[in-house]
Amino acid sequence: MSKGHAWVLGATGQIGRAAVRSLVEDGWEVTAASRGGDRDKSWDGGVRTAALDRDEDGALAAALGDGCDVLVDMVAYGEGHARQLTALADRIGSAVVVSSGAVYEDDRGRSFDTHDDPDGAPRYPVPLPETQATVAPGGATYATRKIRLERDLLAAGDALPVTLLRAGAVHGPHCRSPRELYFVKRALDGRARRVLAYGGTSRFHPVHAANVAELIRLAARKPGSRVLNAADPQAPTVAEIGEAVDAVLGRSTRTVLMPGPATPEGVGETPWTSPHPIVYDMSAAERELGYRAVTGYAESLPETVAWIVGRLADRDWADAYPAMLRAYGARLFDYAAEDAWLERYDREA
């Protein structure tokens, strides 16, 4: 017997693909909506697809028709999208919306938004609970737009029960900005050494797309207005991640540890680098939804690495991952600066 009709917005993104599979396997009838209306080859044949630009006036309302039992939204940001969803509350039984761990701030007001400022890196409690303070809502940054979305949706909880998932560093196949590229490309390029700032101890809690999908599945079964973290069972250090990627590729790379921050040229900096650990508390999801992760970081890594290697075949990394280039810049693989630093390091050793 069907559990009902689930609508998935952003269905062909990294988390969306996994969420559609998870909901179908759990007995939902699923409509997978995306801009292109495409179909993932792993989906069940019964999945319906819809081409939809949710920012086009009236498009979502028209596509929803009589409505759905649960709407899962991967691509909601800010007050406009919150208003769009709450206006359709009479046609949506409940919602599950992906937010971000970037909304948190520490007790000195530092957050992801201040990370690059002098002494701007946040120092969060470990682990970081959902009760931690957040940035002020607004429209200027990713984080302020996400918390605006959260607050507006929670305020409408009587009309539209919504579970908001504050995701960590999402990983797995189909990622447009895979952090693992930092180590995979270096290994493929034959780099004998890698340099890691802060002694390689940085921790930015990852979450596999399949684990977010499991949280979505559980929240769809148990509607309510709540905020929950979304993270893997483990939060490996950046040095451990580098070693794990090497193991998957059958390579051996010597790690050179910098005691402090990266150089101004970016030597030692990775997509996980931070002076203080970012580790999310998952006890609320376990308690409220009965959440148990379906995979871990190391066990899921071979599939992720294979996906990245396949994307890099016969093309430059910047062409394969333009979003990665926009996010981190070309200095992510500035081997000349790295080699110059290593030469000085060798002379002083």
C-alpha atoms as a PDB file:
ATOM      1  CA  MET A   1       0.000   0.000   0.000  1.00  0.00           C
ATOM      2  CA  SER A   2       1.307   3.459  -0.930  1.00  0.00           C
ATOM      3  CA  LYS A   3       2.249   5.797   1.898  1.00  0.00           C
ATOM      4  CA  GLY A   4       1.004   8.670  -0.263  1.00  0.00           C
ATOM      5  CA  HIS A   5       2.303  11.086  -2.850  1.00  0.00           C
ATOM      6  CA  ALA A   6       5.714  12.700  -2.324  1.00  0.00           C
ATOM      7  CA  TRP A   7       6.884  15.655  -4.383  1.00  0.00           C
ATOM      8  CA  VAL A   8      10.654  16.202  -4.593  1.00  0.00           C
ATOM      9  CA  LEU A   9      11.927  19.624  -5.702  1.00  0.00           C
ATOM     10  CA  GLY A  10      15.513  19.627  -6.964  1.00  0.00           C
ATOM     11  CA  ALA A  11      15.235  15.922  -7.685  1.00  0.00           C
ATOM     12  CA  THR A  12      18.218  15.641 -10.027  1.00  0.00           C
ATOM     13  CA  GLY A  13      20.663  17.209  -7.591  1.00  0.00           C
ATOM     14  CA  GLN A  14      22.994  15.204  -5.416  1.00  0.00           C
ATOM     15  CA  ILE A  15      20.637  14.755  -2.462  1.00  0.00           C
ATOM     16  CA  GLY A  16      17.501  14.726  -4.603  1.00  0.00           C
ATOM     17  CA  ARG A  17      18.536  11.636  -6.546  1.00  0.00           C
ATOM     18  CA  ALA A  18      19.091   9.709  -3.338  1.00  0.00           C
ATOM     19  CA  ALA A  19      15.901  11.032  -1.739  1.00  0.00           C
ATOM     20  CA  VAL A  20      13.743   9.884  -4.662  1.00  0.00           C
ATOM     21  CA  ARG A  21      15.205   6.374  -4.427  1.00  0.00           C
ATOM     22  CA  SER A  22      14.729   6.247  -0.663  1.00  0.00           C
ATOM     23  CA  LEU A  23      11.122   7.408  -0.771  1.00  0.00           C
ATOM     24  CA  VAL A  24      10.196   4.966  -3.540  1.00  0.00           C
ATOM     25  CA  GLU A  25      11.767   2.090  -1.627  1.00  0.00           C
ATOM     26  CA  ASP A  26       9.744   3.127   1.424  1.00  0.00           C
ATOM     27  CA  GLY A  27       6.476   2.894  -0.489  1.00  0.00           C
ATOM     28  CA  TRP A  28       5.772   6.451  -1.627  1.00  0.00           C
ATOM     29  CA  GLU A  29       4.498   7.458  -5.038  1.00  0.00           C
ATOM     30  CA  VAL A  30       7.044  10.064  -6.125  1.00  0.00           C
ATOM     31  CA  THR A  31       7.042  12.994  -8.510  1.00  0.00           C
ATOM     32  CA  ALA A  32      10.597  14.134  -9.218  1.00  0.00           C
ATOM     33  CA  ALA A  33      10.694  17.792 -10.220  1.00  0.00           C
ATOM     34  CA  SER A  34      13.699  19.653 -11.625  1.00  0.00           C
ATOM     35  CA  ARG A  35      14.401  22.405 -14.111  1.00  0.00           C
ATOM     36  CA  GLY A  36      15.105  19.928 -16.896  1.00  0.00           C
ATOM     37  CA  GLY A  37      12.585  17.290 -15.832  1.00  0.00           C
ATOM     38  CA  ASP A  38      15.283  14.633 -16.205  1.00  0.00           C
ATOM     39  CA  ARG A  39      15.218  11.078 -14.904  1.00  0.00           C
ATOM     40  CA  ASP A  40      18.030   9.377 -13.004  1.00  0.00           C
ATOM     41  CA  LYS A  41      18.788   5.921 -14.399  1.00  0.00           C
ATOM     42  CA  SER A  42      18.682   4.435 -10.890  1.00  0.00           C
ATOM     43  CA  TRP A  43      15.067   5.440 -10.252  1.00  0.00           C
ATOM     44  CA  ASP A  44      12.167   3.038 -10.378  1.00  0.00           C
ATOM     45  CA  GLY A  45      10.119   3.227 -13.561  1.00  0.00           C
ATOM     46  CA  GLY A  46       7.082   4.392 -11.606  1.00  0.00           C
ATOM     47  CA  VAL A  47       8.692   7.705 -10.672  1.00  0.00           C
ATOM     48  CA  ARG A  48       6.936  10.579 -12.412  1.00  0.00           C
ATOM     49  CA  THR A  49       9.053  13.507 -13.588  1.00  0.00           C
ATOM     50  CA  ALA A  50       8.179  17.173 -14.010  1.00  0.00           C
ATOM     51  CA  ALA A  51      10.076  20.057 -15.591  1.00  0.00           C
ATOM     52  CA  LEU A  52       9.689  23.031 -13.289  1.00  0.00           C
ATOM     53  CA  ASP A  53      11.310  26.383 -12.613  1.00  0.00           C
ATOM     54  CA  ARG A  54      10.077  27.045  -9.088  1.00  0.00           C
ATOM     55  CA  ASP A  55      10.944  30.754  -9.435  1.00  0.00           C
ATOM     56  CA  GLU A  56       8.571  31.245 -12.339  1.00  0.00           C
ATOM     57  CA  ASP A  57       5.378  32.929 -11.142  1.00  0.00           C
ATOM     58  CA  GLY A  58       2.721  30.339 -10.324  1.00  0.00           C
ATOM     59  CA  ALA A  59       4.714  27.424 -11.753  1.00  0.00           C
ATOM     60  CA  LEU A  60       4.938  25.376  -8.555  1.00  0.00           C
ATOM     61  CA  ALA A  61       1.277  25.911  -7.697  1.00  0.00           C
ATOM     62  CA  ALA A  62       0.210  24.838 -11.176  1.00  0.00           C
ATOM     63  CA  ALA A  63       2.462  21.781 -11.171  1.00  0.00           C
ATOM     64  CA  LEU A  64       1.283  20.632  -7.723  1.00  0.00           C
ATOM     65  CA  GLY A  65      -2.332  20.519  -8.849  1.00  0.00           C
ATOM     66  CA  ASP A  66      -4.407  19.003  -6.062  1.00  0.00           C
ATOM     67  CA  GLY A  67      -1.303  18.772  -3.894  1.00  0.00           C
ATOM     68  CA  CYS A  68       0.791  16.116  -2.196  1.00  0.00           C
ATOM     69  CA  ASP A  69       1.162  14.390   1.140  1.00  0.00           C
ATOM     70  CA  VAL A  70       4.767  15.488   1.599  1.00  0.00           C
ATOM     71  CA  LEU A  71       6.878  17.994  -0.294  1.00  0.00           C
ATOM     72  CA  VAL A  72      10.658  17.582  -0.115  1.00  0.00           C
ATOM     73  CA  ASP A  73      12.592  20.714  -1.061  1.00  0.00           C
ATOM     74  CA  MET A  74      16.330  20.602  -1.783  1.00  0.00           C
ATOM     75  CA  VAL A  75      16.596  24.064  -3.294  1.00  0.00           C
ATOM     76  CA  ALA A  76      14.787  26.501  -0.996  1.00  0.00           C
ATOM     77  CA  TYR A  77      16.467  29.753   0.063  1.00  0.00           C
ATOM     78  CA  GLY A  78      15.178  32.880   1.732  1.00  0.00           C
ATOM     79  CA  GLU A  79      11.840  34.466   2.432  1.00  0.00           C
ATOM     80  CA  GLY A  80      10.556  34.206  -1.140  1.00  0.00           C
ATOM     81  CA  HIS A  81      10.694  30.421  -1.153  1.00  0.00           C
ATOM     82  CA  ALA A  82       9.301  30.262   2.392  1.00  0.00           C
ATOM     83  CA  ARG A  83       6.375  32.416   1.268  1.00  0.00           C
ATOM     84  CA  GLN A  84       5.889  30.217  -1.772  1.00  0.00           C
ATOM     85  CA  LEU A  85       5.642  27.049   0.331  1.00  0.00           C
ATOM     86  CA  THR A  86       3.425  28.491   3.071  1.00  0.00           C
ATOM     87  CA  ALA A  87       1.030  29.862   0.451  1.00  0.00           C
ATOM     88  CA  LEU A  88       0.489  26.260  -0.650  1.00  0.00           C
ATOM     89  CA  ALA A  89       0.024  24.884   2.873  1.00  0.00           C
ATOM     90  CA  ASP A  90      -3.561  23.846   2.109  1.00  0.00           C
ATOM     91  CA  ARG A  91      -2.205  21.523  -0.599  1.00  0.00           C
ATOM     92  CA  ILE A  92       0.859  20.151   1.194  1.00  0.00           C
ATOM     93  CA  GLY A  93       0.434  17.694   4.038  1.00  0.00           C
ATOM     94  CA  SER A  94       3.935  18.294   5.419  1.00  0.00           C
ATOM     95  CA  ALA A  95       7.341  19.349   4.170  1.00  0.00           C
ATOM     96  CA  VAL A  96      10.976  18.357   4.562  1.00  0.00           C
ATOM     97  CA  VAL A  97      13.383  21.144   3.608  1.00  0.00           C
ATOM     98  CA  VAL A  98      17.167  20.966   3.365  1.00  0.00           C
ATOM     99  CA  SER A  99      18.898  23.785   5.228  1.00  0.00           C
ATOM    100  CA  SER A 100      22.553  24.060   6.249  1.00  0.00           C
ATOM    101  CA  GLY A 101      24.871  23.845   9.229  1.00  0.00           C
ATOM    102  CA  ALA A 102      26.259  27.178   7.998  1.00  0.00           C
ATOM    103  CA  VAL A 103      23.470  28.956   9.910  1.00  0.00           C
ATOM    104  CA  TYR A 104      25.173  28.540  13.290  1.00  0.00           C
ATOM    105  CA  GLU A 105      27.217  31.219  15.035  1.00  0.00           C
ATOM    106  CA  ASP A 106      29.389  30.911  18.132  1.00  0.00           C
ATOM    107  CA  ASP A 107      29.096  32.835  21.395  1.00  0.00           C
ATOM    108  CA  ARG A 108      31.159  35.694  19.914  1.00  0.00           C
ATOM    109  CA  GLY A 109      28.994  36.029  16.811  1.00  0.00           C
ATOM    110  CA  ARG A 110      31.459  34.263  14.513  1.00  0.00           C
ATOM    111  CA  SER A 111      30.148  32.007  11.763  1.00  0.00           C
ATOM    112  CA  PHE A 112      30.918  30.669   8.297  1.00  0.00           C
ATOM    113  CA  ASP A 113      30.291  34.212   7.076  1.00  0.00           C
ATOM    114  CA  THR A 114      33.176  35.573   9.175  1.00  0.00           C
ATOM    115  CA  HIS A 115      35.539  32.652   8.623  1.00  0.00           C
ATOM    116  CA  ASP A 116      38.001  34.612   6.465  1.00  0.00           C
ATOM    117  CA  ASP A 117      38.117  37.647   8.763  1.00  0.00           C
ATOM    118  CA  PRO A 118      40.982  38.070  11.262  1.00  0.00           C
ATOM    119  CA  ASP A 119      40.097  35.766  14.186  1.00  0.00           C
ATOM    120  CA  GLY A 120      36.806  35.175  12.390  1.00  0.00           C
ATOM    121  CA  ALA A 121      36.724  31.370  12.420  1.00  0.00           C
ATOM    122  CA  PRO A 122      33.864  30.180  14.645  1.00  0.00           C
ATOM    123  CA  ARG A 123      34.607  28.123  17.749  1.00  0.00           C
ATOM    124  CA  TYR A 124      31.561  25.911  18.227  1.00  0.00           C
ATOM    125  CA  PRO A 125      30.831  23.460  21.043  1.00  0.00           C
ATOM    126  CA  VAL A 126      31.701  19.860  20.182  1.00  0.00           C
ATOM    127  CA  PRO A 127      29.340  18.361  19.298  1.00  0.00           C
ATOM    128  CA  LEU A 128      27.230  21.246  18.006  1.00  0.00           C
ATOM    129  CA  PRO A 129      23.519  20.960  18.962  1.00  0.00           C
ATOM    130  CA  GLU A 130      20.527  22.480  17.206  1.00  0.00           C
ATOM    131  CA  THR A 131      20.016  24.789  20.194  1.00  0.00           C
ATOM    132  CA  GLN A 132      23.198  26.722  19.323  1.00  0.00           C
ATOM    133  CA  ALA A 133      22.692  30.383  18.347  1.00  0.00           C
ATOM    134  CA  THR A 134      22.333  31.191  14.652  1.00  0.00           C
ATOM    135  CA  VAL A 135      23.168  34.117  12.406  1.00  0.00           C
ATOM    136  CA  ALA A 136      20.606  36.887  11.997  1.00  0.00           C
ATOM    137  CA  PRO A 137      18.145  36.302   9.143  1.00  0.00           C
ATOM    138  CA  GLY A 138      18.577  38.360   6.004  1.00  0.00           C
ATOM    139  CA  GLY A 139      19.241  38.194   2.308  1.00  0.00           C
ATOM    140  CA  ALA A 140      22.940  38.978   2.009  1.00  0.00           C
ATOM    141  CA  THR A 141      24.559  35.534   2.320  1.00  0.00           C
ATOM    142  CA  TYR A 142      23.813  31.853   1.925  1.00  0.00           C
ATOM    143  CA  ALA A 143      23.607  31.451   5.718  1.00  0.00           C
ATOM    144  CA  THR A 144      21.367  34.459   6.343  1.00  0.00           C
ATOM    145  CA  ARG A 145      19.003  33.385   3.575  1.00  0.00           C
ATOM    146  CA  LYS A 146      18.819  29.853   4.970  1.00  0.00           C
ATOM    147  CA  ILE A 147      17.985  31.025   8.494  1.00  0.00           C
ATOM    148  CA  ARG A 148      15.354  33.414   7.087  1.00  0.00           C
ATOM    149  CA  LEU A 149      13.825  30.418   5.326  1.00  0.00           C
ATOM    150  CA  GLU A 150      13.927  28.353   8.518  1.00  0.00           C
ATOM    151  CA  ARG A 151      12.294  30.958  10.729  1.00  0.00           C
ATOM    152  CA  ASP A 152       9.532  31.790   8.282  1.00  0.00           C
ATOM    153  CA  LEU A 153       8.672  28.126   7.770  1.00  0.00           C
ATOM    154  CA  LEU A 154       8.730  27.340  11.484  1.00  0.00           C
ATOM    155  CA  ALA A 155       6.451  30.316  12.132  1.00  0.00           C
ATOM    156  CA  ALA A 156       3.898  28.701   9.813  1.00  0.00           C
ATOM    157  CA  GLY A 157       4.158  25.343  11.556  1.00  0.00           C
ATOM    158  CA  ASP A 158       0.475  25.186  12.528  1.00  0.00           C
ATOM    159  CA  ALA A 159      -0.490  25.297   8.860  1.00  0.00           C
ATOM    160  CA  LEU A 160       2.508  23.453   7.397  1.00  0.00           C
ATOM    161  CA  PRO A 161       4.519  21.034   9.547  1.00  0.00           C
ATOM    162  CA  VAL A 162       8.109  21.211   8.311  1.00  0.00           C
ATOM    163  CA  THR A 163      11.309  19.363   9.186  1.00  0.00           C
ATOM    164  CA  LEU A 164      14.406  21.441   8.439  1.00  0.00           C
ATOM    165  CA  LEU A 165      17.641  19.502   7.982  1.00  0.00           C
ATOM    166  CA  ARG A 166      20.853  21.398   8.720  1.00  0.00           C
ATOM    167  CA  ALA A 167      23.247  19.488   6.506  1.00  0.00           C
ATOM    168  CA  GLY A 168      26.987  19.257   7.039  1.00  0.00           C
ATOM    169  CA  ALA A 169      29.569  18.952   4.256  1.00  0.00           C
ATOM    170  CA  VAL A 170      27.601  16.898   1.725  1.00  0.00           C
ATOM    171  CA  HIS A 171      29.545  14.226  -0.157  1.00  0.00           C
ATOM    172  CA  GLY A 172      28.938  11.378  -2.577  1.00  0.00           C
ATOM    173  CA  PRO A 173      28.414  11.012  -6.344  1.00  0.00           C
ATOM    174  CA  HIS A 174      26.832  13.838  -8.363  1.00  0.00           C
ATOM    175  CA  CYS A 175      28.348  16.558  -6.157  1.00  0.00           C
ATOM    176  CA  ARG A 176      29.068  19.736  -8.135  1.00  0.00           C
ATOM    177  CA  SER A 177      31.830  20.777  -5.691  1.00  0.00           C
ATOM    178  CA  PRO A 178      33.309  17.570  -4.282  1.00  0.00           C
ATOM    179  CA  ARG A 179      35.801  18.416  -1.550  1.00  0.00           C
ATOM    180  CA  GLU A 180      37.502  15.063  -2.164  1.00  0.00           C
ATOM    181  CA  LEU A 181      38.713  16.442  -5.506  1.00  0.00           C
ATOM    182  CA  TYR A 182      41.476  18.190  -3.509  1.00  0.00           C
ATOM    183  CA  PHE A 183      43.092  14.844  -2.694  1.00  0.00           C
ATOM    184  CA  VAL A 184      41.967  12.826  -5.729  1.00  0.00           C
ATOM    185  CA  LYS A 185      43.507  15.202  -8.254  1.00  0.00           C
ATOM    186  CA  ARG A 186      46.766  15.425  -6.312  1.00  0.00           C
ATOM    187  CA  ALA A 187      47.012  11.647  -6.275  1.00  0.00           C
ATOM    188  CA  LEU A 188      46.246  11.370 -10.005  1.00  0.00           C
ATOM    189  CA  ASP A 189      48.839  14.074 -10.718  1.00  0.00           C
ATOM    190  CA  GLY A 190      51.482  12.063  -8.887  1.00  0.00           C
ATOM    191  CA  ARG A 191      52.080  14.547  -6.106  1.00  0.00           C
ATOM    192  CA  ALA A 192      54.413  12.873  -3.618  1.00  0.00           C
ATOM    193  CA  ARG A 193      53.578  15.200  -0.733  1.00  0.00           C
ATOM    194  CA  ARG A 194      50.631  17.232   0.478  1.00  0.00           C
ATOM    195  CA  VAL A 195      50.672  20.124   2.940  1.00  0.00           C
ATOM    196  CA  LEU A 196      47.950  20.499   5.565  1.00  0.00           C
ATOM    197  CA  ALA A 197      47.457  23.524   7.797  1.00  0.00           C
ATOM    198  CA  TYR A 198      46.607  23.322  11.519  1.00  0.00           C
ATOM    199  CA  GLY A 199      48.484  20.040  11.836  1.00  0.00           C
ATOM    200  CA  GLY A 200      45.937  18.237   9.655  1.00  0.00           C
ATOM    201  CA  THR A 201      43.459  18.248  12.555  1.00  0.00           C
ATOM    202  CA  SER A 202      40.664  20.275  10.896  1.00  0.00           C
ATOM    203  CA  ARG A 203      37.281  18.578  11.097  1.00  0.00           C
ATOM    204  CA  PHE A 204      34.265  19.663   9.036  1.00  0.00           C
ATOM    205  CA  HIS A 205      31.578  17.076   9.655  1.00  0.00           C
ATOM    206  CA  PRO A 206      30.552  15.384   6.393  1.00  0.00           C
ATOM    207  CA  VAL A 207      27.200  13.877   5.482  1.00  0.00           C
ATOM    208  CA  HIS A 208      26.653  11.452   2.637  1.00  0.00           C
ATOM    209  CA  ALA A 209      23.689  12.195   0.375  1.00  0.00           C
ATOM    210  CA  ALA A 210      22.245   8.783   1.282  1.00  0.00           C
ATOM    211  CA  ASN A 211      22.222   9.723   4.970  1.00  0.00           C
ATOM    212  CA  VAL A 212      20.345  12.951   4.216  1.00  0.00           C
ATOM    213  CA  ALA A 213      17.928  10.857   2.161  1.00  0.00           C
ATOM    214  CA  GLU A 214      17.396   8.567   5.155  1.00  0.00           C
ATOM    215  CA  LEU A 215      16.565  11.556   7.339  1.00  0.00           C
ATOM    216  CA  ILE A 216      14.125  12.737   4.663  1.00  0.00           C
ATOM    217  CA  ARG A 217      12.482   9.310   4.568  1.00  0.00           C
ATOM    218  CA  LEU A 218      12.059   9.233   8.340  1.00  0.00           C
ATOM    219  CA  ALA A 219      10.771  12.815   8.534  1.00  0.00           C
ATOM    220  CA  ALA A 220       8.234  12.113   5.773  1.00  0.00           C
ATOM    221  CA  ARG A 221       6.887   9.274   7.903  1.00  0.00           C
ATOM    222  CA  LYS A 222       6.682  11.447  11.015  1.00  0.00           C
ATOM    223  CA  PRO A 223       5.578  15.012  10.146  1.00  0.00           C
ATOM    224  CA  GLY A 224       6.345  17.795  12.596  1.00  0.00           C
ATOM    225  CA  SER A 225       7.895  21.235  12.900  1.00  0.00           C
ATOM    226  CA  ARG A 226      11.502  20.768  13.929  1.00  0.00           C
ATOM    227  CA  VAL A 227      15.127  21.533  13.124  1.00  0.00           C
ATOM    228  CA  LEU A 228      17.611  18.656  12.963  1.00  0.00           C
ATOM    229  CA  ASN A 229      21.284  18.323  12.125  1.00  0.00           C
ATOM    230  CA  ALA A 230      22.250  16.033   9.243  1.00  0.00           C
ATOM    231  CA  ALA A 231      25.658  14.374   9.471  1.00  0.00           C
ATOM    232  CA  ASP A 232      27.543  11.084   9.142  1.00  0.00           C
ATOM    233  CA  PRO A 233      28.412   8.886  12.125  1.00  0.00           C
ATOM    234  CA  GLN A 234      32.066   9.987  11.852  1.00  0.00           C
ATOM    235  CA  ALA A 235      33.757  13.374  11.560  1.00  0.00           C
ATOM    236  CA  PRO A 236      37.251  12.492  10.273  1.00  0.00           C
ATOM    237  CA  THR A 237      40.127  14.943  10.331  1.00  0.00           C
ATOM    238  CA  VAL A 238      41.391  16.318   7.041  1.00  0.00           C
ATOM    239  CA  ALA A 239      44.553  14.204   7.426  1.00  0.00           C
ATOM    240  CA  GLU A 240      42.414  11.082   7.848  1.00  0.00           C
ATOM    241  CA  ILE A 241      40.414  11.975   4.745  1.00  0.00           C
ATOM    242  CA  GLY A 242      43.617  12.332   2.711  1.00  0.00           C
ATOM    243  CA  GLU A 243      44.805   8.932   3.873  1.00  0.00           C
ATOM    244  CA  ALA A 244      41.417   7.386   3.098  1.00  0.00           C
ATOM    245  CA  VAL A 245      41.469   8.746  -0.464  1.00  0.00           C
ATOM    246  CA  ASP A 246      44.991   7.386  -0.913  1.00  0.00           C
ATOM    247  CA  ALA A 247      43.807   3.974   0.258  1.00  0.00           C
ATOM    248  CA  VAL A 248      40.978   3.935  -2.281  1.00  0.00           C
ATOM    249  CA  LEU A 249      43.340   4.884  -5.118  1.00  0.00           C
ATOM    250  CA  GLY A 250      46.136   2.593  -3.971  1.00  0.00           C
ATOM    251  CA  ARG A 251      48.519   5.543  -3.614  1.00  0.00           C
ATOM    252  CA  SER A 252      50.899   6.643  -0.875  1.00  0.00           C
ATOM    253  CA  THR A 253      51.363  10.348  -0.232  1.00  0.00           C
ATOM    254  CA  ARG A 254      53.516  11.844   2.493  1.00  0.00           C
ATOM    255  CA  THR A 255      51.644  14.397   4.584  1.00  0.00           C
ATOM    256  CA  VAL A 256      53.550  17.510   5.652  1.00  0.00           C
ATOM    257  CA  LEU A 257      51.898  19.225   8.591  1.00  0.00           C
ATOM    258  CA  MET A 258      51.875  22.984   9.120  1.00  0.00           C
ATOM    259  CA  PRO A 259      51.374  23.900  12.788  1.00  0.00           C
ATOM    260  CA  GLY A 260      49.301  26.992  12.009  1.00  0.00           C
ATOM    261  CA  PRO A 261      47.181  28.488   9.228  1.00  0.00           C
ATOM    262  CA  ALA A 262      47.691  28.192   5.487  1.00  0.00           C
ATOM    263  CA  THR A 263      49.972  30.650   3.715  1.00  0.00           C
ATOM    264  CA  PRO A 264      48.532  33.767   2.031  1.00  0.00           C
ATOM    265  CA  GLU A 265      48.931  31.880  -1.276  1.00  0.00           C
ATOM    266  CA  GLY A 266      46.711  29.091   0.057  1.00  0.00           C
ATOM    267  CA  VAL A 267      49.382  26.450   0.658  1.00  0.00           C
ATOM    268  CA  GLY A 268      48.018  24.063   3.278  1.00  0.00           C
ATOM    269  CA  GLU A 269      44.410  25.093   2.799  1.00  0.00           C
ATOM    270  CA  THR A 270      41.794  22.512   1.839  1.00  0.00           C
ATOM    271  CA  PRO A 271      37.990  22.603   1.488  1.00  0.00           C
ATOM    272  CA  TRP A 272      37.763  21.263   5.060  1.00  0.00           C
ATOM    273  CA  THR A 273      40.321  23.597   6.654  1.00  0.00           C
ATOM    274  CA  SER A 274      39.370  25.406   9.847  1.00  0.00           C
ATOM    275  CA  PRO A 275      41.295  26.093  13.049  1.00  0.00           C
ATOM    276  CA  HIS A 276      38.433  24.757  15.179  1.00  0.00           C
ATOM    277  CA  PRO A 277      36.390  21.553  14.749  1.00  0.00           C
ATOM    278  CA  ILE A 278      32.884  21.632  13.268  1.00  0.00           C
ATOM    279  CA  VAL A 279      31.135  18.499  14.510  1.00  0.00           C
ATOM    280  CA  TYR A 280      27.348  18.227  14.534  1.00  0.00           C
ATOM    281  CA  ASP A 281      25.351  16.573  17.319  1.00  0.00           C
ATOM    282  CA  MET A 282      23.052  13.895  15.863  1.00  0.00           C
ATOM    283  CA  SER A 283      21.324  12.859  19.084  1.00  0.00           C
ATOM    284  CA  ALA A 284      18.134  14.834  18.350  1.00  0.00           C
ATOM    285  CA  ALA A 285      17.617  13.071  14.999  1.00  0.00           C
ATOM    286  CA  GLU A 286      18.245   9.724  16.670  1.00  0.00           C
ATOM    287  CA  ARG A 287      15.798  10.533  19.447  1.00  0.00           C
ATOM    288  CA  GLU A 288      13.025  12.163  17.399  1.00  0.00           C
ATOM    289  CA  LEU A 289      13.141  10.110  14.213  1.00  0.00           C
ATOM    290  CA  GLY A 290      14.997   6.933  15.193  1.00  0.00           C
ATOM    291  CA  TYR A 291      17.726   7.928  12.732  1.00  0.00           C
ATOM    292  CA  ARG A 292      20.540   5.492  12.046  1.00  0.00           C
ATOM    293  CA  ALA A 293      23.019   6.313   9.297  1.00  0.00           C
ATOM    294  CA  VAL A 294      22.904   4.050   6.252  1.00  0.00           C
ATOM    295  CA  THR A 295      26.582   4.571   5.406  1.00  0.00           C
ATOM    296  CA  GLY A 296      29.770   6.076   6.798  1.00  0.00           C
ATOM    297  CA  TYR A 297      32.491   8.233   5.335  1.00  0.00           C
ATOM    298  CA  ALA A 298      35.175   5.622   4.673  1.00  0.00           C
ATOM    299  CA  GLU A 299      32.798   2.934   3.416  1.00  0.00           C
ATOM    300  CA  SER A 300      31.110   5.319   0.966  1.00  0.00           C
ATOM    301  CA  LEU A 301      34.370   6.834  -0.311  1.00  0.00           C
ATOM    302  CA  PRO A 302      35.197   4.342  -3.127  1.00  0.00           C
ATOM    303  CA  GLU A 303      32.011   5.268  -5.013  1.00  0.00           C
ATOM    304  CA  THR A 304      32.689   8.976  -4.523  1.00  0.00           C
ATOM    305  CA  VAL A 305      36.284   8.688  -5.725  1.00  0.00           C
ATOM    306  CA  ALA A 306      35.251   6.620  -8.750  1.00  0.00           C
ATOM    307  CA  TRP A 307      32.714   9.307  -9.667  1.00  0.00           C
ATOM    308  CA  ILE A 308      35.339  12.055  -9.449  1.00  0.00           C
ATOM    309  CA  VAL A 309      37.918  10.071 -11.444  1.00  0.00           C
ATOM    310  CA  GLY A 310      35.343   9.401 -14.133  1.00  0.00           C
ATOM    311  CA  ARG A 311      34.440  13.081 -14.384  1.00  0.00           C
ATOM    312  CA  LEU A 312      38.120  14.022 -14.704  1.00  0.00           C
ATOM    313  CA  ALA A 313      38.736  11.667 -17.610  1.00  0.00           C
ATOM    314  CA  ASP A 314      39.815  13.597 -20.715  1.00  0.00           C
ATOM    315  CA  ARG A 315      39.102  17.067 -19.284  1.00  0.00           C
ATOM    316  CA  ASP A 316      40.568  19.680 -17.011  1.00  0.00           C
ATOM    317  CA  TRP A 317      39.283  19.825 -13.441  1.00  0.00           C
ATOM    318  CA  ALA A 318      37.941  23.345 -13.953  1.00  0.00           C
ATOM    319  CA  ASP A 319      35.819  22.144 -16.890  1.00  0.00           C
ATOM    320  CA  ALA A 320      34.621  19.097 -14.963  1.00  0.00           C
ATOM    321  CA  TYR A 321      33.799  21.074 -11.823  1.00  0.00           C
ATOM    322  CA  PRO A 322      33.198  24.750 -12.614  1.00  0.00           C
ATOM    323  CA  ALA A 323      31.343  25.219  -9.303  1.00  0.00           C
ATOM    324  CA  MET A 324      34.482  24.051  -7.501  1.00  0.00           C
ATOM    325  CA  LEU A 325      36.533  26.650  -9.366  1.00  0.00           C
ATOM    326  CA  ARG A 326      34.057  29.392  -8.425  1.00  0.00           C
ATOM    327  CA  ALA A 327      34.047  28.340  -4.785  1.00  0.00           C
ATOM    328  CA  TYR A 328      37.791  27.903  -4.206  1.00  0.00           C
ATOM    329  CA  GLY A 329      39.619  29.469  -7.142  1.00  0.00           C
ATOM    330  CA  ALA A 330      42.558  28.199  -9.179  1.00  0.00           C
ATOM    331  CA  ARG A 331      44.878  28.338  -6.180  1.00  0.00           C
ATOM    332  CA  LEU A 332      43.291  25.091  -4.983  1.00  0.00           C
ATOM    333  CA  PHE A 333      45.876  23.382  -7.198  1.00  0.00           C
ATOM    334  CA  ASP A 334      48.668  25.944  -7.227  1.00  0.00           C
ATOM    335  CA  TYR A 335      51.485  23.424  -7.323  1.00  0.00           C
ATOM    336  CA  ALA A 336      54.117  26.089  -7.982  1.00  0.00           C
ATOM    337  CA  ALA A 337      53.341  27.849  -4.695  1.00  0.00           C
ATOM    338  CA  GLU A 338      53.210  24.505  -2.927  1.00  0.00           C
ATOM    339  CA  ASP A 339      56.584  23.418  -4.320  1.00  0.00           C
ATOM    340  CA  ALA A 340      58.187  26.719  -3.342  1.00  0.00           C
ATOM    341  CA  TRP A 341      56.919  26.291   0.207  1.00  0.00           C
ATOM    342  CA  LEU A 342      58.169  22.685   0.323  1.00  0.00           C
ATOM    343  CA  GLU A 343      61.617  23.780  -0.862  1.00  0.00           C
ATOM    344  CA  ARG A 344      61.846  26.221   2.031  1.00  0.00           C
ATOM    345  CA  TYR A 345      60.532  23.571   4.394  1.00  0.00           C
ATOM    346  CA  ASP A 346      63.192  21.092   3.257  1.00  0.00           C
ATOM    347  CA  ARG A 347      65.965  23.654   3.683  1.00  0.00           C
ATOM    348  CA  GLU A 348      64.858  24.469   7.204  1.00  0.00           C
ATOM    349  CA  ALA A 349      64.219  20.864   8.266  1.00  0.00           C
END
